[in-house]
Amino acid sequence: MSQTKNSKLYWKKNIRYLLILLTLWFSVSFGAGIILKDVLDTVHIGGFPLGFWFAQQGSIYVFVVLIFVYVRWMNKLDAQYGFDED
């Protein structure tokens, strides 16, 4: 496989990973924090409504987890296409 074609496939997968992770983050931050707030407010955690928790902390925690998922996926992708530093 040529280096140019290899690079294009690499970036195509990279963009797909980004879109998947950003969609998940948007769903959690916008969906759970704003759209589903009233439904989630029926559940309380530590005396606070779950909708409030997602709006304040939940989306941040999900974002941090998604960063680690992205790093793991990219390390595998780098190794698959020969762009790793090892």
N, C-alpha and C. Protein backbone atom coordinates (compact mmCIF):
# COMPACT_ATOMS: atom_id res chain seq x y z
N MET A 1 0.85 -1.17 0.00
CA MET A 1 0.00 0.00 0.00
C MET A 1 0.89 1.24 0.00
N SER A 2 0.59 2.20 -0.82
CA SER A 2 1.43 3.39 -0.91
C SER A 2 1.27 4.25 0.35
N GLN A 3 2.29 5.06 0.60
CA GLN A 3 2.29 5.92 1.79
C GLN A 3 1.15 6.93 1.75
N THR A 4 0.83 7.48 0.57
CA THR A 4 -0.25 8.46 0.45
C THR A 4 -1.59 7.82 0.75
N LYS A 5 -1.84 6.65 0.20
CA LYS A 5 -3.10 5.96 0.46
C LYS A 5 -3.19 5.55 1.92
N ASN A 6 -2.08 5.11 2.49
CA ASN A 6 -2.01 4.75 3.89
C ASN A 6 -2.35 5.95 4.78
N SER A 7 -1.82 7.11 4.44
CA SER A 7 -2.08 8.33 5.21
C SER A 7 -3.55 8.75 5.11
N LYS A 8 -4.12 8.62 3.93
CA LYS A 8 -5.53 8.99 3.76
C LYS A 8 -6.45 8.08 4.57
N LEU A 9 -6.17 6.78 4.57
CA LEU A 9 -6.97 5.85 5.37
C LEU A 9 -6.83 6.14 6.86
N TYR A 10 -5.60 6.46 7.26
CA TYR A 10 -5.33 6.81 8.66
C TYR A 10 -6.17 8.01 9.09
N TRP A 11 -6.15 9.08 8.30
CA TRP A 11 -6.89 10.28 8.66
C TRP A 11 -8.40 10.10 8.56
N LYS A 12 -8.83 9.24 7.65
CA LYS A 12 -10.26 8.96 7.55
C LYS A 12 -10.75 8.27 8.83
N LYS A 13 -9.98 7.30 9.33
CA LYS A 13 -10.34 6.64 10.58
C LYS A 13 -10.24 7.60 11.76
N ASN A 14 -9.22 8.44 11.75
CA ASN A 14 -9.04 9.41 12.83
C ASN A 14 -10.24 10.35 12.91
N ILE A 15 -10.68 10.87 11.79
CA ILE A 15 -11.84 11.76 11.76
C ILE A 15 -13.09 11.02 12.21
N ARG A 16 -13.24 9.76 11.82
CA ARG A 16 -14.40 8.98 12.25
C ARG A 16 -14.38 8.81 13.77
N TYR A 17 -13.22 8.52 14.35
CA TYR A 17 -13.11 8.42 15.81
C TYR A 17 -13.50 9.73 16.49
N LEU A 18 -13.01 10.83 15.95
CA LEU A 18 -13.34 12.13 16.53
C LEU A 18 -14.84 12.40 16.48
N LEU A 19 -15.46 12.11 15.36
CA LEU A 19 -16.90 12.33 15.22
C LEU A 19 -17.70 11.47 16.19
N ILE A 20 -17.29 10.23 16.37
CA ILE A 20 -17.98 9.35 17.32
C ILE A 20 -17.87 9.90 18.74
N LEU A 21 -16.66 10.26 19.14
CA LEU A 21 -16.45 10.73 20.51
C LEU A 21 -17.10 12.09 20.76
N LEU A 22 -17.03 12.99 19.80
CA LEU A 22 -17.68 14.29 19.97
C LEU A 22 -19.20 14.17 19.99
N THR A 23 -19.74 13.24 19.23
CA THR A 23 -21.18 12.99 19.27
C THR A 23 -21.60 12.47 20.63
N LEU A 24 -20.81 11.56 21.19
CA LEU A 24 -21.11 11.07 22.54
C LEU A 24 -21.05 12.19 23.57
N TRP A 25 -20.02 13.01 23.48
CA TRP A 25 -19.88 14.11 24.44
C TRP A 25 -21.03 15.10 24.29
N PHE A 26 -21.39 15.43 23.06
CA PHE A 26 -22.51 16.34 22.83
C PHE A 26 -23.80 15.75 23.38
N SER A 27 -24.01 14.46 23.15
CA SER A 27 -25.23 13.81 23.64
C SER A 27 -25.32 13.88 25.16
N VAL A 28 -24.21 13.64 25.83
CA VAL A 28 -24.22 13.68 27.29
C VAL A 28 -24.37 15.11 27.79
N SER A 29 -23.59 16.02 27.27
CA SER A 29 -23.62 17.39 27.79
C SER A 29 -24.91 18.12 27.42
N PHE A 30 -25.33 18.03 26.18
CA PHE A 30 -26.53 18.75 25.75
C PHE A 30 -27.78 17.94 26.07
N GLY A 31 -27.76 16.66 25.75
CA GLY A 31 -28.93 15.82 25.96
C GLY A 31 -29.27 15.64 27.42
N ALA A 32 -28.30 15.15 28.20
CA ALA A 32 -28.56 14.88 29.62
C ALA A 32 -28.63 16.16 30.44
N GLY A 33 -27.84 17.16 30.08
CA GLY A 33 -27.80 18.39 30.86
C GLY A 33 -28.90 19.37 30.55
N ILE A 34 -29.47 19.31 29.35
CA ILE A 34 -30.47 20.30 28.95
C ILE A 34 -31.79 19.65 28.55
N ILE A 35 -31.75 18.77 27.55
CA ILE A 35 -32.99 18.21 27.01
C ILE A 35 -33.67 17.27 28.01
N LEU A 36 -32.91 16.37 28.61
CA LEU A 36 -33.49 15.39 29.53
C LEU A 36 -33.40 15.82 30.99
N LYS A 37 -33.15 17.09 31.24
CA LYS A 37 -32.96 17.59 32.59
C LYS A 37 -34.16 17.29 33.48
N ASP A 38 -35.35 17.56 33.00
CA ASP A 38 -36.55 17.37 33.82
C ASP A 38 -36.76 15.90 34.18
N VAL A 39 -36.50 15.02 33.24
CA VAL A 39 -36.63 13.58 33.50
C VAL A 39 -35.59 13.13 34.51
N LEU A 40 -34.35 13.60 34.34
CA LEU A 40 -33.26 13.20 35.24
C LEU A 40 -33.38 13.82 36.62
N ASP A 41 -34.09 14.93 36.73
CA ASP A 41 -34.24 15.59 38.03
C ASP A 41 -35.10 14.78 39.01
N THR A 42 -35.77 13.75 38.53
CA THR A 42 -36.55 12.91 39.44
C THR A 42 -35.65 12.01 40.27
N VAL A 43 -34.40 11.81 39.83
CA VAL A 43 -33.42 11.01 40.58
C VAL A 43 -32.47 11.97 41.29
N HIS A 44 -32.19 11.68 42.56
CA HIS A 44 -31.29 12.53 43.34
C HIS A 44 -30.03 11.76 43.71
N ILE A 45 -28.88 12.43 43.60
CA ILE A 45 -27.59 11.88 44.02
C ILE A 45 -26.98 12.86 45.00
N GLY A 46 -26.76 12.41 46.23
CA GLY A 46 -26.17 13.27 47.25
C GLY A 46 -27.01 14.51 47.53
N GLY A 47 -28.31 14.41 47.37
CA GLY A 47 -29.20 15.52 47.63
C GLY A 47 -29.39 16.46 46.45
N PHE A 48 -28.70 16.20 45.36
CA PHE A 48 -28.82 17.04 44.17
C PHE A 48 -29.53 16.27 43.06
N PRO A 49 -30.34 16.94 42.26
CA PRO A 49 -31.00 16.28 41.14
C PRO A 49 -29.98 15.80 40.11
N LEU A 50 -30.24 14.65 39.49
CA LEU A 50 -29.32 14.08 38.53
C LEU A 50 -29.12 15.00 37.31
N GLY A 51 -30.16 15.70 36.89
CA GLY A 51 -30.03 16.64 35.78
C GLY A 51 -29.04 17.75 36.09
N PHE A 52 -29.09 18.26 37.31
CA PHE A 52 -28.13 19.28 37.75
C PHE A 52 -26.72 18.70 37.75
N TRP A 53 -26.58 17.46 38.24
CA TRP A 53 -25.26 16.82 38.30
C TRP A 53 -24.67 16.69 36.90
N PHE A 54 -25.48 16.23 35.93
CA PHE A 54 -24.96 16.09 34.57
C PHE A 54 -24.58 17.44 33.98
N ALA A 55 -25.36 18.46 34.25
CA ALA A 55 -25.05 19.78 33.71
C ALA A 55 -23.78 20.35 34.31
N GLN A 56 -23.51 20.04 35.59
CA GLN A 56 -22.36 20.64 36.27
C GLN A 56 -21.09 19.79 36.19
N GLN A 57 -21.21 18.49 36.46
CA GLN A 57 -20.02 17.65 36.52
C GLN A 57 -20.02 16.52 35.51
N GLY A 58 -21.16 15.98 35.21
CA GLY A 58 -21.24 14.77 34.39
C GLY A 58 -20.59 14.90 33.03
N SER A 59 -20.85 16.00 32.36
CA SER A 59 -20.27 16.16 31.02
C SER A 59 -18.76 16.33 31.08
N ILE A 60 -18.26 16.91 32.16
CA ILE A 60 -16.81 17.05 32.32
C ILE A 60 -16.17 15.69 32.55
N TYR A 61 -16.77 14.87 33.41
CA TYR A 61 -16.24 13.52 33.65
C TYR A 61 -16.27 12.70 32.37
N VAL A 62 -17.35 12.79 31.63
CA VAL A 62 -17.46 12.04 30.38
C VAL A 62 -16.39 12.52 29.41
N PHE A 63 -16.14 13.82 29.34
CA PHE A 63 -15.12 14.35 28.46
C PHE A 63 -13.73 13.80 28.82
N VAL A 64 -13.42 13.73 30.10
CA VAL A 64 -12.12 13.20 30.53
C VAL A 64 -11.99 11.73 30.15
N VAL A 65 -13.04 10.95 30.35
CA VAL A 65 -13.02 9.54 29.96
C VAL A 65 -12.84 9.41 28.45
N LEU A 66 -13.51 10.26 27.68
CA LEU A 66 -13.39 10.22 26.23
C LEU A 66 -11.97 10.57 25.77
N ILE A 67 -11.27 11.40 26.51
CA ILE A 67 -9.88 11.71 26.17
C ILE A 67 -9.04 10.43 26.26
N PHE A 68 -9.23 9.66 27.34
CA PHE A 68 -8.48 8.42 27.50
C PHE A 68 -8.86 7.40 26.43
N VAL A 69 -10.13 7.34 26.07
CA VAL A 69 -10.56 6.44 25.00
C VAL A 69 -9.90 6.85 23.69
N TYR A 70 -9.87 8.15 23.41
CA TYR A 70 -9.25 8.63 22.17
C TYR A 70 -7.76 8.29 22.13
N VAL A 71 -7.07 8.46 23.24
CA VAL A 71 -5.64 8.14 23.29
C VAL A 71 -5.43 6.65 23.01
N ARG A 72 -6.25 5.81 23.60
CA ARG A 72 -6.13 4.36 23.38
C ARG A 72 -6.39 4.02 21.92
N TRP A 73 -7.47 4.56 21.37
CA TRP A 73 -7.80 4.30 19.96
C TRP A 73 -6.69 4.78 19.03
N MET A 74 -6.14 5.95 19.30
CA MET A 74 -5.11 6.51 18.44
C MET A 74 -3.80 5.72 18.55
N ASN A 75 -3.47 5.23 19.73
CA ASN A 75 -2.28 4.39 19.86
C ASN A 75 -2.42 3.13 19.02
N LYS A 76 -3.61 2.52 19.05
CA LYS A 76 -3.85 1.34 18.23
C LYS A 76 -3.81 1.69 16.74
N LEU A 77 -4.40 2.82 16.38
CA LEU A 77 -4.42 3.24 14.98
C LEU A 77 -3.01 3.56 14.49
N ASP A 78 -2.23 4.24 15.31
CA ASP A 78 -0.84 4.53 14.96
C ASP A 78 -0.04 3.25 14.70
N ALA A 79 -0.23 2.28 15.58
CA ALA A 79 0.48 1.01 15.40
C ALA A 79 0.01 0.27 14.17
N GLN A 80 -1.28 0.34 13.89
CA GLN A 80 -1.84 -0.36 12.72
C GLN A 80 -1.30 0.21 11.42
N TYR A 81 -1.12 1.52 11.34
CA TYR A 81 -0.68 2.14 10.10
C TYR A 81 0.82 2.51 10.11
N GLY A 82 1.53 2.11 11.14
CA GLY A 82 2.98 2.32 11.17
C GLY A 82 3.39 3.73 11.50
N PHE A 83 2.57 4.48 12.20
CA PHE A 83 2.91 5.85 12.60
C PHE A 83 3.30 5.96 14.06
N ASP A 84 3.44 4.82 14.74
CA ASP A 84 3.80 4.88 16.14
C ASP A 84 5.28 5.22 16.30
N GLU A 85 5.65 5.67 17.48
CA GLU A 85 7.01 6.14 17.73
C GLU A 85 7.92 5.06 18.25
N ASP A 86 7.42 3.85 18.44
CA ASP A 86 8.24 2.76 18.98
C ASP A 86 9.25 2.28 17.99
